[in-house]
Amino acid sequence: MTKMTPRPTAQEQGVALFGWMEYVCLPQLGVEKIKAKLDTGARTSAIHAENIELFDRDGVEWVRFQTLPDWDNPEVGFRTVEAPVVHVREIKNTSGIPEERLVVKTKARFGKRIWTIDISLADRTNMTFPMIVGRAALKSHAIAVHTRKTFLVSERPSYSPRKEKS
């Protein structure tokens, strides 16, 4: 019988290990931290958006919307966000039905690491998280997502969050 060599850990491979739930900072959107599910099964990232309003700024199409960064901590309150629209894209919702969504591009900070991601605007009222980070946003950044651990690169909430469904 041959001896199996143990699989190298994420750290041994030079890969950062993120939890499946993290707080993400979106500094260009003025969102200090938003609770997000990192979901490698989802392709596209999405943020909860209400009261979506398109407008023109110097010949460029922009969007204004409101988002609630943390369902479990309503004292954080709604944030009004403005950003240029980079795409209008057909994206499959959680039921697999394509819907047309506005997409914005922004910097996202995960712990100490920061890079630019695309985020579609969606009504996530019936979802557990106000933001989902899909595999397209994580690709090419030497990251592994731990499927059982949370808040590995961001600060744990100071309050007690409800039991997460997914």
C-alpha atoms as a PDB file:
ATOM      1  CA  MET A   1       0.000   0.000   0.000  1.00  0.00           C
ATOM      2  CA  THR A   2       1.351   3.438  -0.898  1.00  0.00           C
ATOM      3  CA  LYS A   3       1.409   6.202   1.617  1.00  0.00           C
ATOM      4  CA  MET A   4      -0.784   9.223   0.704  1.00  0.00           C
ATOM      5  CA  THR A   5       0.900  12.579   1.032  1.00  0.00           C
ATOM      6  CA  PRO A   6      -1.257  15.077   2.859  1.00  0.00           C
ATOM      7  CA  ARG A   7      -2.835  17.780   0.755  1.00  0.00           C
ATOM      8  CA  PRO A   8      -1.131  21.154   1.280  1.00  0.00           C
ATOM      9  CA  THR A   9      -3.121  23.669   3.321  1.00  0.00           C
ATOM     10  CA  ALA A  10      -4.307  26.967   1.851  1.00  0.00           C
ATOM     11  CA  GLN A  11      -1.532  28.786   3.742  1.00  0.00           C
ATOM     12  CA  GLU A  12       1.108  26.362   2.435  1.00  0.00           C
ATOM     13  CA  GLN A  13      -0.135  27.104  -1.090  1.00  0.00           C
ATOM     14  CA  GLY A  14       0.100  30.872  -0.466  1.00  0.00           C
ATOM     15  CA  VAL A  15      -3.678  31.227  -0.541  1.00  0.00           C
ATOM     16  CA  ALA A  16      -5.613  33.458   1.869  1.00  0.00           C
ATOM     17  CA  LEU A  17      -8.419  31.679   3.707  1.00  0.00           C
ATOM     18  CA  PHE A  18     -11.701  33.596   3.925  1.00  0.00           C
ATOM     19  CA  GLY A  19     -14.806  32.563   5.847  1.00  0.00           C
ATOM     20  CA  TRP A  20     -18.041  31.836   3.990  1.00  0.00           C
ATOM     21  CA  MET A  21     -19.464  34.885   5.804  1.00  0.00           C
ATOM     22  CA  GLU A  22     -17.435  38.102   6.055  1.00  0.00           C
ATOM     23  CA  TYR A  23     -17.893  41.828   6.362  1.00  0.00           C
ATOM     24  CA  VAL A  24     -16.880  43.627   3.182  1.00  0.00           C
ATOM     25  CA  CYS A  25     -16.004  47.332   2.939  1.00  0.00           C
ATOM     26  CA  LEU A  26     -17.076  49.220  -0.205  1.00  0.00           C
ATOM     27  CA  PRO A  27     -15.207  52.516   0.305  1.00  0.00           C
ATOM     28  CA  GLN A  28     -16.107  54.079  -3.060  1.00  0.00           C
ATOM     29  CA  LEU A  29     -19.788  53.529  -2.282  1.00  0.00           C
ATOM     30  CA  GLY A  30     -19.518  54.884   1.265  1.00  0.00           C
ATOM     31  CA  VAL A  31     -20.419  51.512   2.800  1.00  0.00           C
ATOM     32  CA  GLU A  32     -18.026  50.933   5.706  1.00  0.00           C
ATOM     33  CA  LYS A  33     -19.032  47.308   6.142  1.00  0.00           C
ATOM     34  CA  ILE A  34     -21.731  45.094   4.734  1.00  0.00           C
ATOM     35  CA  LYS A  35     -22.451  41.534   5.782  1.00  0.00           C
ATOM     36  CA  ALA A  36     -21.809  39.234   2.829  1.00  0.00           C
ATOM     37  CA  LYS A  37     -21.962  35.576   1.956  1.00  0.00           C
ATOM     38  CA  LEU A  38     -19.002  34.401  -0.121  1.00  0.00           C
ATOM     39  CA  ASP A  39     -20.588  31.910  -2.478  1.00  0.00           C
ATOM     40  CA  THR A  40     -18.388  30.163  -5.034  1.00  0.00           C
ATOM     41  CA  GLY A  41     -21.547  28.542  -6.433  1.00  0.00           C
ATOM     42  CA  ALA A  42     -22.800  31.943  -7.549  1.00  0.00           C
ATOM     43  CA  ARG A  43     -21.108  33.553 -10.531  1.00  0.00           C
ATOM     44  CA  THR A  44     -22.083  37.174  -9.969  1.00  0.00           C
ATOM     45  CA  SER A  45     -21.970  39.402  -6.903  1.00  0.00           C
ATOM     46  CA  ALA A  46     -25.091  41.296  -5.862  1.00  0.00           C
ATOM     47  CA  ILE A  47     -25.989  43.940  -3.308  1.00  0.00           C
ATOM     48  CA  HIS A  48     -29.414  44.715  -1.891  1.00  0.00           C
ATOM     49  CA  ALA A  49     -30.794  47.814  -3.615  1.00  0.00           C
ATOM     50  CA  GLU A  50     -34.053  49.697  -3.008  1.00  0.00           C
ATOM     51  CA  ASN A  51     -35.413  52.899  -4.521  1.00  0.00           C
ATOM     52  CA  ILE A  52     -33.216  52.525  -7.609  1.00  0.00           C
ATOM     53  CA  GLU A  53     -33.073  55.726  -9.631  1.00  0.00           C
ATOM     54  CA  LEU A  54     -31.114  56.304 -12.847  1.00  0.00           C
ATOM     55  CA  PHE A  55     -29.757  59.779 -13.583  1.00  0.00           C
ATOM     56  CA  ASP A  56     -27.308  61.526 -15.873  1.00  0.00           C
ATOM     57  CA  ARG A  57     -24.089  63.076 -14.551  1.00  0.00           C
ATOM     58  CA  ASP A  58     -21.964  64.868 -17.159  1.00  0.00           C
ATOM     59  CA  GLY A  59     -23.254  62.624 -19.960  1.00  0.00           C
ATOM     60  CA  VAL A  60     -22.643  59.397 -17.995  1.00  0.00           C
ATOM     61  CA  GLU A  61     -25.458  57.172 -16.713  1.00  0.00           C
ATOM     62  CA  TRP A  62     -25.397  56.888 -12.915  1.00  0.00           C
ATOM     63  CA  VAL A  63     -27.577  55.094 -10.405  1.00  0.00           C
ATOM     64  CA  ARG A  64     -28.709  56.117  -6.937  1.00  0.00           C
ATOM     65  CA  PHE A  65     -30.061  53.464  -4.564  1.00  0.00           C
ATOM     66  CA  GLN A  66     -30.443  52.616  -0.901  1.00  0.00           C
ATOM     67  CA  THR A  67     -28.968  49.586   0.813  1.00  0.00           C
ATOM     68  CA  LEU A  68     -29.132  48.184   4.331  1.00  0.00           C
ATOM     69  CA  PRO A  69     -25.670  46.820   5.200  1.00  0.00           C
ATOM     70  CA  ASP A  70     -26.778  44.363   7.901  1.00  0.00           C
ATOM     71  CA  TRP A  71     -30.252  42.860   8.341  1.00  0.00           C
ATOM     72  CA  ASP A  72     -29.377  41.777  11.911  1.00  0.00           C
ATOM     73  CA  ASN A  73     -28.243  45.211  13.041  1.00  0.00           C
ATOM     74  CA  PRO A  74     -30.873  47.751  11.880  1.00  0.00           C
ATOM     75  CA  GLU A  75     -29.269  50.541  13.916  1.00  0.00           C
ATOM     76  CA  VAL A  76     -26.666  50.659  11.120  1.00  0.00           C
ATOM     77  CA  GLY A  77     -29.489  52.121   8.985  1.00  0.00           C
ATOM     78  CA  PHE A  78     -29.933  52.532   5.267  1.00  0.00           C
ATOM     79  CA  ARG A  79     -27.152  54.007   3.136  1.00  0.00           C
ATOM     80  CA  THR A  80     -27.833  56.049   0.008  1.00  0.00           C
ATOM     81  CA  VAL A  81     -25.311  55.140  -2.662  1.00  0.00           C
ATOM     82  CA  GLU A  82     -24.431  56.704  -6.031  1.00  0.00           C
ATOM     83  CA  ALA A  83     -22.249  55.080  -8.697  1.00  0.00           C
ATOM     84  CA  PRO A  84     -21.783  55.077 -12.470  1.00  0.00           C
ATOM     85  CA  VAL A  85     -23.533  52.227 -14.279  1.00  0.00           C
ATOM     86  CA  VAL A  86     -20.972  50.031 -16.085  1.00  0.00           C
ATOM     87  CA  HIS A  87     -23.347  47.404 -17.531  1.00  0.00           C
ATOM     88  CA  VAL A  88     -26.958  46.430 -17.837  1.00  0.00           C
ATOM     89  CA  ARG A  89     -26.672  42.656 -17.791  1.00  0.00           C
ATOM     90  CA  GLU A  90     -29.015  39.685 -17.807  1.00  0.00           C
ATOM     91  CA  ILE A  91     -28.290  37.720 -14.628  1.00  0.00           C
ATOM     92  CA  LYS A  92     -30.003  34.592 -13.347  1.00  0.00           C
ATOM     93  CA  ASN A  93     -31.660  35.081  -9.972  1.00  0.00           C
ATOM     94  CA  THR A  94     -31.630  32.440  -7.218  1.00  0.00           C
ATOM     95  CA  SER A  95     -34.506  30.643  -8.976  1.00  0.00           C
ATOM     96  CA  GLY A  96     -32.475  30.462 -12.207  1.00  0.00           C
ATOM     97  CA  ILE A  97     -34.691  32.981 -13.995  1.00  0.00           C
ATOM     98  CA  PRO A  98     -32.785  35.610 -16.027  1.00  0.00           C
ATOM     99  CA  GLU A  99     -33.475  39.230 -15.080  1.00  0.00           C
ATOM    100  CA  GLU A 100     -32.000  42.480 -16.329  1.00  0.00           C
ATOM    101  CA  ARG A 101     -29.843  44.157 -13.675  1.00  0.00           C
ATOM    102  CA  LEU A 102     -27.749  47.275 -13.381  1.00  0.00           C
ATOM    103  CA  VAL A 103     -24.095  46.605 -12.584  1.00  0.00           C
ATOM    104  CA  VAL A 104     -21.659  48.974 -10.866  1.00  0.00           C
ATOM    105  CA  LYS A 105     -17.901  48.623 -10.415  1.00  0.00           C
ATOM    106  CA  THR A 106     -16.300  49.431  -7.075  1.00  0.00           C
ATOM    107  CA  LYS A 107     -13.351  48.715  -4.821  1.00  0.00           C
ATOM    108  CA  ALA A 108     -14.047  46.048  -2.206  1.00  0.00           C
ATOM    109  CA  ARG A 109     -11.935  45.460   0.896  1.00  0.00           C
ATOM    110  CA  PHE A 110     -11.841  41.998   2.431  1.00  0.00           C
ATOM    111  CA  GLY A 111      -9.849  42.314   5.649  1.00  0.00           C
ATOM    112  CA  LYS A 112      -6.566  43.903   4.563  1.00  0.00           C
ATOM    113  CA  ARG A 113      -6.932  43.045   0.871  1.00  0.00           C
ATOM    114  CA  ILE A 114      -8.630  45.327  -1.655  1.00  0.00           C
ATOM    115  CA  TRP A 115      -9.511  44.992  -5.341  1.00  0.00           C
ATOM    116  CA  THR A 116     -12.178  46.066  -7.840  1.00  0.00           C
ATOM    117  CA  ILE A 117     -15.342  43.994  -8.311  1.00  0.00           C
ATOM    118  CA  ASP A 118     -18.584  44.221 -10.303  1.00  0.00           C
ATOM    119  CA  ILE A 119     -21.791  44.191  -8.242  1.00  0.00           C
ATOM    120  CA  SER A 120     -25.295  43.830  -9.632  1.00  0.00           C
ATOM    121  CA  LEU A 121     -28.181  45.632  -7.945  1.00  0.00           C
ATOM    122  CA  ALA A 122     -30.984  43.368  -6.754  1.00  0.00           C
ATOM    123  CA  ASP A 123     -33.825  43.234  -4.274  1.00  0.00           C
ATOM    124  CA  ARG A 124     -32.412  40.803  -1.702  1.00  0.00           C
ATOM    125  CA  THR A 125     -35.129  41.434   0.912  1.00  0.00           C
ATOM    126  CA  ASN A 126     -36.020  37.732   1.036  1.00  0.00           C
ATOM    127  CA  MET A 127     -32.395  36.616   1.211  1.00  0.00           C
ATOM    128  CA  THR A 128     -30.359  36.049   4.367  1.00  0.00           C
ATOM    129  CA  PHE A 129     -27.578  38.469   3.379  1.00  0.00           C
ATOM    130  CA  PRO A 130     -27.693  41.982   1.930  1.00  0.00           C
ATOM    131  CA  MET A 131     -24.707  41.079  -0.284  1.00  0.00           C
ATOM    132  CA  ILE A 132     -23.451  37.965  -1.994  1.00  0.00           C
ATOM    133  CA  VAL A 133     -19.918  37.755  -3.377  1.00  0.00           C
ATOM    134  CA  GLY A 134     -19.719  35.393  -6.331  1.00  0.00           C
ATOM    135  CA  ARG A 135     -16.783  33.510  -7.787  1.00  0.00           C
ATOM    136  CA  ALA A 136     -16.132  36.121 -10.517  1.00  0.00           C
ATOM    137  CA  ALA A 137     -15.207  38.637  -7.778  1.00  0.00           C
ATOM    138  CA  LEU A 138     -12.929  36.152  -6.019  1.00  0.00           C
ATOM    139  CA  LYS A 139     -11.199  34.770  -9.120  1.00  0.00           C
ATOM    140  CA  SER A 140      -7.484  35.512  -9.571  1.00  0.00           C
ATOM    141  CA  HIS A 141      -6.956  36.690  -5.991  1.00  0.00           C
ATOM    142  CA  ALA A 142      -5.400  33.563  -4.390  1.00  0.00           C
ATOM    143  CA  ILE A 143      -8.331  32.945  -2.045  1.00  0.00           C
ATOM    144  CA  ALA A 144      -9.955  29.866  -0.616  1.00  0.00           C
ATOM    145  CA  VAL A 145     -13.367  30.058   1.056  1.00  0.00           C
ATOM    146  CA  HIS A 146     -13.801  27.924   4.186  1.00  0.00           C
ATOM    147  CA  THR A 147     -17.235  26.327   4.030  1.00  0.00           C
ATOM    148  CA  ARG A 148     -17.688  25.986   7.801  1.00  0.00           C
ATOM    149  CA  LYS A 149     -15.940  29.011   9.305  1.00  0.00           C
ATOM    150  CA  THR A 150     -16.957  32.674   9.349  1.00  0.00           C
ATOM    151  CA  PHE A 151     -15.229  36.028   9.797  1.00  0.00           C
ATOM    152  CA  LEU A 152     -11.683  34.809   9.128  1.00  0.00           C
ATOM    153  CA  VAL A 153     -10.536  38.133   7.617  1.00  0.00           C
ATOM    154  CA  SER A 154     -13.075  40.572   9.059  1.00  0.00           C
ATOM    155  CA  GLU A 155     -14.138  41.488  12.561  1.00  0.00           C
ATOM    156  CA  ARG A 156     -16.858  39.393  14.200  1.00  0.00           C
ATOM    157  CA  PRO A 157     -20.067  41.317  14.898  1.00  0.00           C
ATOM    158  CA  SER A 158     -20.286  42.834  18.383  1.00  0.00           C
ATOM    159  CA  TYR A 159     -23.919  41.711  18.643  1.00  0.00           C
ATOM    160  CA  SER A 160     -25.196  38.162  18.412  1.00  0.00           C
ATOM    161  CA  PRO A 161     -26.351  37.479  14.822  1.00  0.00           C
ATOM    162  CA  ARG A 162     -29.275  35.159  14.167  1.00  0.00           C
ATOM    163  CA  LYS A 163     -28.559  31.606  13.064  1.00  0.00           C
ATOM    164  CA  GLU A 164     -27.573  31.848   9.405  1.00  0.00           C
ATOM    165  CA  LYS A 165     -29.556  29.843   6.856  1.00  0.00           C
ATOM    166  CA  SER A 166     -27.381  30.493   3.772  1.00  0.00           C
END
